[in-house]
């Protein structure tokens, strides 16, 4: 049985390069490609895909949100995030979206093939220690931040960036979310905090930050 792979990247040369890598691997089969989130959402559900290899940044959205949307429709689908960017927020959001792995585009060809095989076999490439450390970082201080106790991890992340004065668009870029999704998070967290305006949230964020001892 071959692993059926779908590639999503807005750069044709990247898709072609990855497809060429898999061409001589009898157990790996490229069954489709897409250059946009909407194209991927339209095509993947009808193709019995095992592994979707997703770029993070695309013209009409991003791979993390796409991963979340696809896995809500197709729980058996495994997603491998392939990106040029490496940071905690990207990794954390990939984990929260249900990705099985997070691989940088600088990866060697053989290592990418191995990563796809492992993900296709149901393994996770996300190191358990790294995952736990990230989740701990997000949860840190929750007990001290009484007003924030009712916020989800993602709402807390958005709240902190609102406190830094970022716009919804800037927050979307930082957290690899759609701008509309960020707008929803802001609405939810304001409602939970009993606030009407984001400036109120920014003031609270600054106040909470000033209370924390410097490390």
C-alpha atoms as a PDB file:
ATOM      1  CA  UNK A   1       0.000   0.000   0.000  1.00  0.00           C
ATOM      2  CA  UNK A   2       1.447   3.364  -0.985  1.00  0.00           C
ATOM      3  CA  UNK A   3       1.040   6.527   1.086  1.00  0.00           C
ATOM      4  CA  UNK A   4      -1.133   9.010  -0.825  1.00  0.00           C
ATOM      5  CA  UNK A   5       0.235  12.552  -0.582  1.00  0.00           C
ATOM      6  CA  UNK A   6      -1.262  15.935  -1.436  1.00  0.00           C
ATOM      7  CA  UNK A   7       1.020  19.007  -1.752  1.00  0.00           C
ATOM      8  CA  UNK A   8      -0.132  22.525  -0.877  1.00  0.00           C
ATOM      9  CA  UNK A   9       2.284  25.380  -1.645  1.00  0.00           C
ATOM     10  CA  UNK A  10       1.788  28.610  -3.564  1.00  0.00           C
ATOM     11  CA  UNK A  11       5.194  28.255  -5.263  1.00  0.00           C
ATOM     12  CA  UNK A  12       5.067  25.918  -8.257  1.00  0.00           C
ATOM     13  CA  UNK A  13       8.818  25.334  -8.119  1.00  0.00           C
ATOM     14  CA  UNK A  14       8.538  24.072  -4.528  1.00  0.00           C
ATOM     15  CA  UNK A  15       5.667  21.714  -5.434  1.00  0.00           C
ATOM     16  CA  UNK A  16       7.619  20.446  -8.442  1.00  0.00           C
ATOM     17  CA  UNK A  17      10.763  19.928  -6.356  1.00  0.00           C
ATOM     18  CA  UNK A  18       8.919  17.966  -3.663  1.00  0.00           C
ATOM     19  CA  UNK A  19       7.045  15.909  -6.278  1.00  0.00           C
ATOM     20  CA  UNK A  20      10.355  15.055  -7.992  1.00  0.00           C
ATOM     21  CA  UNK A  21      11.754  13.883  -4.647  1.00  0.00           C
ATOM     22  CA  UNK A  22       8.955  11.332  -4.256  1.00  0.00           C
ATOM     23  CA  UNK A  23       8.907  10.184  -7.886  1.00  0.00           C
ATOM     24  CA  UNK A  24      11.327   7.281  -7.373  1.00  0.00           C
ATOM     25  CA  UNK A  25       9.779   6.133  -4.072  1.00  0.00           C
ATOM     26  CA  UNK A  26       7.415   3.211  -4.816  1.00  0.00           C
ATOM     27  CA  UNK A  27       5.626   3.541  -1.470  1.00  0.00           C
ATOM     28  CA  UNK A  28       4.883   7.278  -1.859  1.00  0.00           C
ATOM     29  CA  UNK A  29       2.384   8.633  -4.392  1.00  0.00           C
ATOM     30  CA  UNK A  30       1.514  12.276  -5.125  1.00  0.00           C
ATOM     31  CA  UNK A  31      -2.230  12.313  -5.805  1.00  0.00           C
ATOM     32  CA  UNK A  32      -2.743  16.054  -6.125  1.00  0.00           C
ATOM     33  CA  UNK A  33      -1.453  19.599  -5.675  1.00  0.00           C
ATOM     34  CA  UNK A  34      -2.921  22.990  -4.778  1.00  0.00           C
ATOM     35  CA  UNK A  35      -1.571  26.542  -4.720  1.00  0.00           C
ATOM     36  CA  UNK A  36      -4.225  28.014  -2.398  1.00  0.00           C
ATOM     37  CA  UNK A  37      -6.161  27.131   0.751  1.00  0.00           C
ATOM     38  CA  UNK A  38      -9.502  27.202  -1.075  1.00  0.00           C
ATOM     39  CA  UNK A  39      -8.225  24.881  -3.809  1.00  0.00           C
ATOM     40  CA  UNK A  40      -6.890  22.442  -1.206  1.00  0.00           C
ATOM     41  CA  UNK A  41     -10.191  22.458   0.721  1.00  0.00           C
ATOM     42  CA  UNK A  42     -12.061  21.764  -2.497  1.00  0.00           C
ATOM     43  CA  UNK A  43      -9.845  18.903  -3.700  1.00  0.00           C
ATOM     44  CA  UNK A  44      -8.438  16.980  -0.726  1.00  0.00           C
ATOM     45  CA  UNK A  45     -11.710  15.536   0.700  1.00  0.00           C
ATOM     46  CA  UNK A  46     -12.471  13.674  -2.551  1.00  0.00           C
ATOM     47  CA  UNK A  47      -9.015  12.103  -3.044  1.00  0.00           C
ATOM     48  CA  UNK A  48      -8.523   9.681  -0.109  1.00  0.00           C
ATOM     49  CA  UNK A  49      -5.324  11.479   0.939  1.00  0.00           C
ATOM     50  CA  UNK A  50      -3.142   9.973   3.692  1.00  0.00           C
ATOM     51  CA  UNK A  51      -0.711  12.865   4.215  1.00  0.00           C
ATOM     52  CA  UNK A  52      -1.154  16.533   3.321  1.00  0.00           C
ATOM     53  CA  UNK A  53       2.125  18.483   3.094  1.00  0.00           C
ATOM     54  CA  UNK A  54       1.150  22.097   3.820  1.00  0.00           C
ATOM     55  CA  UNK A  55       3.043  25.347   3.399  1.00  0.00           C
ATOM     56  CA  UNK A  56       2.323  27.893   6.162  1.00  0.00           C
ATOM     57  CA  UNK A  57       1.971  31.134   4.200  1.00  0.00           C
ATOM     58  CA  UNK A  58      -0.380  31.232   1.227  1.00  0.00           C
ATOM     59  CA  UNK A  59      -2.224  33.994  -0.641  1.00  0.00           C
ATOM     60  CA  UNK A  60      -5.663  33.246   0.838  1.00  0.00           C
ATOM     61  CA  UNK A  61      -4.785  31.898   4.280  1.00  0.00           C
ATOM     62  CA  UNK A  62      -2.224  29.633   5.912  1.00  0.00           C
ATOM     63  CA  UNK A  63      -1.365  25.994   6.399  1.00  0.00           C
ATOM     64  CA  UNK A  64      -2.080  25.927  10.133  1.00  0.00           C
ATOM     65  CA  UNK A  65      -5.693  27.041   9.672  1.00  0.00           C
ATOM     66  CA  UNK A  66      -5.962  24.711   6.665  1.00  0.00           C
ATOM     67  CA  UNK A  67      -4.710  21.816   8.811  1.00  0.00           C
ATOM     68  CA  UNK A  68      -7.362  22.604  11.444  1.00  0.00           C
ATOM     69  CA  UNK A  69     -10.150  22.795   8.828  1.00  0.00           C
ATOM     70  CA  UNK A  70      -9.080  19.604   7.040  1.00  0.00           C
ATOM     71  CA  UNK A  71      -8.736  17.563  10.224  1.00  0.00           C
ATOM     72  CA  UNK A  72     -12.169  18.663  11.428  1.00  0.00           C
ATOM     73  CA  UNK A  73     -13.583  17.151   8.205  1.00  0.00           C
ATOM     74  CA  UNK A  74     -11.101  14.258   7.867  1.00  0.00           C
ATOM     75  CA  UNK A  75      -9.847  13.113  11.307  1.00  0.00           C
ATOM     76  CA  UNK A  76      -7.759  10.316   9.742  1.00  0.00           C
ATOM     77  CA  UNK A  77      -5.781  12.755   7.568  1.00  0.00           C
ATOM     78  CA  UNK A  78      -2.230  13.449   8.732  1.00  0.00           C
ATOM     79  CA  UNK A  79      -0.777  16.904   8.127  1.00  0.00           C
ATOM     80  CA  UNK A  80       2.907  17.793   7.811  1.00  0.00           C
ATOM     81  CA  UNK A  81       3.649  21.527   8.003  1.00  0.00           C
ATOM     82  CA  UNK A  82       6.521  22.501   5.663  1.00  0.00           C
ATOM     83  CA  UNK A  83       7.718  26.046   6.235  1.00  0.00           C
ATOM     84  CA  UNK A  84      10.640  28.468   5.960  1.00  0.00           C
ATOM     85  CA  UNK A  85       9.908  29.918   9.386  1.00  0.00           C
ATOM     86  CA  UNK A  86      10.817  28.432  12.763  1.00  0.00           C
ATOM     87  CA  UNK A  87       9.522  29.887  16.012  1.00  0.00           C
ATOM     88  CA  UNK A  88       7.592  28.857  19.102  1.00  0.00           C
ATOM     89  CA  UNK A  89       4.305  30.410  17.969  1.00  0.00           C
ATOM     90  CA  UNK A  90       4.378  28.550  14.658  1.00  0.00           C
ATOM     91  CA  UNK A  91       5.151  25.240  16.341  1.00  0.00           C
ATOM     92  CA  UNK A  92       2.566  25.761  19.068  1.00  0.00           C
ATOM     93  CA  UNK A  93      -0.137  26.635  16.559  1.00  0.00           C
ATOM     94  CA  UNK A  94       0.755  23.604  14.432  1.00  0.00           C
ATOM     95  CA  UNK A  95       0.378  21.400  17.517  1.00  0.00           C
ATOM     96  CA  UNK A  96      -2.956  22.979  18.444  1.00  0.00           C
ATOM     97  CA  UNK A  97      -4.227  22.529  14.882  1.00  0.00           C
ATOM     98  CA  UNK A  98      -3.508  18.781  15.056  1.00  0.00           C
ATOM     99  CA  UNK A  99      -0.458  18.608  12.784  1.00  0.00           C
ATOM    100  CA  UNK A 100       1.678  15.466  12.985  1.00  0.00           C
ATOM    101  CA  UNK A 101       4.888  17.275  12.148  1.00  0.00           C
ATOM    102  CA  UNK A 102       6.593  20.593  11.482  1.00  0.00           C
ATOM    103  CA  UNK A 103       9.508  20.547   9.004  1.00  0.00           C
ATOM    104  CA  UNK A 104      11.652  23.427   7.759  1.00  0.00           C
ATOM    105  CA  UNK A 105      12.122  23.847   3.996  1.00  0.00           C
ATOM    106  CA  UNK A 106      15.883  23.700   4.565  1.00  0.00           C
ATOM    107  CA  UNK A 107      15.453  19.988   5.346  1.00  0.00           C
ATOM    108  CA  UNK A 108      17.413  17.484   3.259  1.00  0.00           C
ATOM    109  CA  UNK A 109      15.419  15.598   0.648  1.00  0.00           C
ATOM    110  CA  UNK A 110      15.962  12.208   2.283  1.00  0.00           C
ATOM    111  CA  UNK A 111      14.878  13.606   5.639  1.00  0.00           C
ATOM    112  CA  UNK A 112      11.652  14.956   4.128  1.00  0.00           C
ATOM    113  CA  UNK A 113      10.939  11.542   2.591  1.00  0.00           C
ATOM    114  CA  UNK A 114      11.528   9.921   5.993  1.00  0.00           C
ATOM    115  CA  UNK A 115       9.283  12.507   7.674  1.00  0.00           C
ATOM    116  CA  UNK A 116       6.424  11.819   5.237  1.00  0.00           C
ATOM    117  CA  UNK A 117       6.812   8.045   5.715  1.00  0.00           C
ATOM    118  CA  UNK A 118       6.717   8.386   9.495  1.00  0.00           C
ATOM    119  CA  UNK A 119       3.696  10.687   9.455  1.00  0.00           C
ATOM    120  CA  UNK A 120       1.996   8.367   6.959  1.00  0.00           C
ATOM    121  CA  UNK A 121       2.584   5.484   9.382  1.00  0.00           C
ATOM    122  CA  UNK A 122       0.751   7.407  12.099  1.00  0.00           C
ATOM    123  CA  UNK A 123       3.786   8.692  14.005  1.00  0.00           C
ATOM    124  CA  UNK A 124       4.177  12.221  15.339  1.00  0.00           C
ATOM    125  CA  UNK A 125       7.353  14.141  14.570  1.00  0.00           C
ATOM    126  CA  UNK A 126       6.625  16.612  17.338  1.00  0.00           C
ATOM    127  CA  UNK A 127       9.004  15.987  20.188  1.00  0.00           C
ATOM    128  CA  UNK A 128       7.032  15.396  23.399  1.00  0.00           C
ATOM    129  CA  UNK A 129       9.440  17.487  25.505  1.00  0.00           C
ATOM    130  CA  UNK A 130       9.196  20.454  23.143  1.00  0.00           C
ATOM    131  CA  UNK A 131       5.413  20.204  23.034  1.00  0.00           C
ATOM    132  CA  UNK A 132       5.103  20.084  26.820  1.00  0.00           C
ATOM    133  CA  UNK A 133       7.548  22.977  27.273  1.00  0.00           C
ATOM    134  CA  UNK A 134       5.544  25.124  24.878  1.00  0.00           C
ATOM    135  CA  UNK A 135       2.228  24.279  26.495  1.00  0.00           C
ATOM    136  CA  UNK A 136       3.746  25.022  29.914  1.00  0.00           C
ATOM    137  CA  UNK A 137       4.981  28.406  28.670  1.00  0.00           C
ATOM    138  CA  UNK A 138       1.479  29.306  27.471  1.00  0.00           C
ATOM    139  CA  UNK A 139      -0.070  28.166  30.767  1.00  0.00           C
ATOM    140  CA  UNK A 140       2.533  29.902  32.938  1.00  0.00           C
ATOM    141  CA  UNK A 141       1.116  32.544  35.193  1.00  0.00           C
ATOM    142  CA  UNK A 142      -2.513  31.492  34.624  1.00  0.00           C
ATOM    143  CA  UNK A 143      -3.064  30.968  38.343  1.00  0.00           C
ATOM    144  CA  UNK A 144      -1.756  34.461  39.102  1.00  0.00           C
ATOM    145  CA  UNK A 145      -3.773  36.143  36.347  1.00  0.00           C
ATOM    146  CA  UNK A 146      -7.215  35.938  37.931  1.00  0.00           C
ATOM    147  CA  UNK A 147      -9.005  37.984  35.246  1.00  0.00           C
ATOM    148  CA  UNK A 148      -7.656  35.694  32.509  1.00  0.00           C
ATOM    149  CA  UNK A 149      -8.663  32.396  34.129  1.00  0.00           C
ATOM    150  CA  UNK A 150     -11.579  31.911  31.723  1.00  0.00           C
ATOM    151  CA  UNK A 151      -9.543  32.459  28.545  1.00  0.00           C
ATOM    152  CA  UNK A 152      -8.378  29.594  26.354  1.00  0.00           C
ATOM    153  CA  UNK A 153      -4.669  29.263  25.492  1.00  0.00           C
ATOM    154  CA  UNK A 154      -5.266  30.814  22.084  1.00  0.00           C
ATOM    155  CA  UNK A 155      -7.319  33.684  23.514  1.00  0.00           C
ATOM    156  CA  UNK A 156      -4.500  34.363  26.005  1.00  0.00           C
ATOM    157  CA  UNK A 157      -1.971  34.498  23.176  1.00  0.00           C
ATOM    158  CA  UNK A 158      -4.182  36.977  21.274  1.00  0.00           C
ATOM    159  CA  UNK A 159      -4.768  39.000  24.478  1.00  0.00           C
ATOM    160  CA  UNK A 160      -1.018  39.363  25.051  1.00  0.00           C
ATOM    161  CA  UNK A 161      -0.485  40.613  21.485  1.00  0.00           C
ATOM    162  CA  UNK A 162      -3.393  43.059  21.821  1.00  0.00           C
ATOM    163  CA  UNK A 163      -1.512  44.309  24.898  1.00  0.00           C
ATOM    164  CA  UNK A 164       1.554  44.897  22.708  1.00  0.00           C
ATOM    165  CA  UNK A 165      -0.581  47.152  20.504  1.00  0.00           C
ATOM    166  CA  UNK A 166      -0.701  44.842  17.484  1.00  0.00           C
ATOM    167  CA  UNK A 167      -3.560  45.092  14.983  1.00  0.00           C
ATOM    168  CA  UNK A 168      -5.689  42.072  14.050  1.00  0.00           C
ATOM    169  CA  UNK A 169      -3.706  41.747  10.828  1.00  0.00           C
ATOM    170  CA  UNK A 170      -0.381  41.784  12.683  1.00  0.00           C
ATOM    171  CA  UNK A 171      -1.658  39.261  15.235  1.00  0.00           C
ATOM    172  CA  UNK A 172      -2.868  37.024  12.380  1.00  0.00           C
ATOM    173  CA  UNK A 173       0.611  37.094  10.822  1.00  0.00           C
ATOM    174  CA  UNK A 174       2.336  36.399  14.156  1.00  0.00           C
ATOM    175  CA  UNK A 175       0.090  33.471  15.112  1.00  0.00           C
ATOM    176  CA  UNK A 176      -0.449  32.057  11.609  1.00  0.00           C
ATOM    177  CA  UNK A 177      -4.212  32.598  11.808  1.00  0.00           C
ATOM    178  CA  UNK A 178      -6.738  34.128   9.443  1.00  0.00           C
ATOM    179  CA  UNK A 179      -7.523  37.779  10.237  1.00  0.00           C
ATOM    180  CA  UNK A 180     -11.220  36.884  10.600  1.00  0.00           C
ATOM    181  CA  UNK A 181     -10.283  34.216  13.173  1.00  0.00           C
ATOM    182  CA  UNK A 182      -8.297  36.766  15.188  1.00  0.00           C
ATOM    183  CA  UNK A 183     -11.290  39.131  15.099  1.00  0.00           C
ATOM    184  CA  UNK A 184     -13.450  36.340  16.561  1.00  0.00           C
ATOM    185  CA  UNK A 185     -10.889  35.612  19.293  1.00  0.00           C
ATOM    186  CA  UNK A 186     -10.775  39.307  20.219  1.00  0.00           C
ATOM    187  CA  UNK A 187     -14.602  39.456  20.410  1.00  0.00           C
ATOM    188  CA  UNK A 188     -14.715  36.335  22.598  1.00  0.00           C
ATOM    189  CA  UNK A 189     -11.978  37.447  24.986  1.00  0.00           C
ATOM    190  CA  UNK A 190     -13.520  40.926  25.368  1.00  0.00           C
ATOM    191  CA  UNK A 191     -16.887  39.334  26.180  1.00  0.00           C
ATOM    192  CA  UNK A 192     -15.274  37.011  28.743  1.00  0.00           C
ATOM    193  CA  UNK A 193     -13.456  39.943  30.343  1.00  0.00           C
ATOM    194  CA  UNK A 194     -16.626  42.044  30.400  1.00  0.00           C
ATOM    195  CA  UNK A 195     -15.113  44.694  28.142  1.00  0.00           C
ATOM    196  CA  UNK A 196     -16.394  46.614  25.118  1.00  0.00           C
ATOM    197  CA  UNK A 197     -13.151  47.949  23.602  1.00  0.00           C
ATOM    198  CA  UNK A 198      -9.762  46.429  22.843  1.00  0.00           C
ATOM    199  CA  UNK A 199      -8.069  49.452  24.457  1.00  0.00           C
ATOM    200  CA  UNK A 200      -9.475  48.218  27.774  1.00  0.00           C
ATOM    201  CA  UNK A 201      -7.872  44.824  27.150  1.00  0.00           C
ATOM    202  CA  UNK A 202      -4.569  46.517  26.266  1.00  0.00           C
ATOM    203  CA  UNK A 203      -4.627  48.449  29.543  1.00  0.00           C
ATOM    204  CA  UNK A 204      -5.322  45.254  31.525  1.00  0.00           C
ATOM    205  CA  UNK A 205      -2.516  43.430  29.692  1.00  0.00           C
ATOM    206  CA  UNK A 206      -0.064  46.223  30.565  1.00  0.00           C
ATOM    207  CA  UNK A 207      -1.210  46.173  34.195  1.00  0.00           C
ATOM    208  CA  UNK A 208      -0.802  42.389  34.503  1.00  0.00           C
ATOM    209  CA  UNK A 209       2.627  42.564  32.854  1.00  0.00           C
ATOM    210  CA  UNK A 210       3.781  45.246  35.307  1.00  0.00           C
ATOM    211  CA  UNK A 211       2.750  43.026  38.236  1.00  0.00           C
ATOM    212  CA  UNK A 212       4.966  40.134  37.121  1.00  0.00           C
ATOM    213  CA  UNK A 213       8.462  40.090  38.606  1.00  0.00           C
ATOM    214  CA  UNK A 214      11.312  40.406  36.098  1.00  0.00           C
ATOM    215  CA  UNK A 215      13.251  37.209  35.506  1.00  0.00           C
END
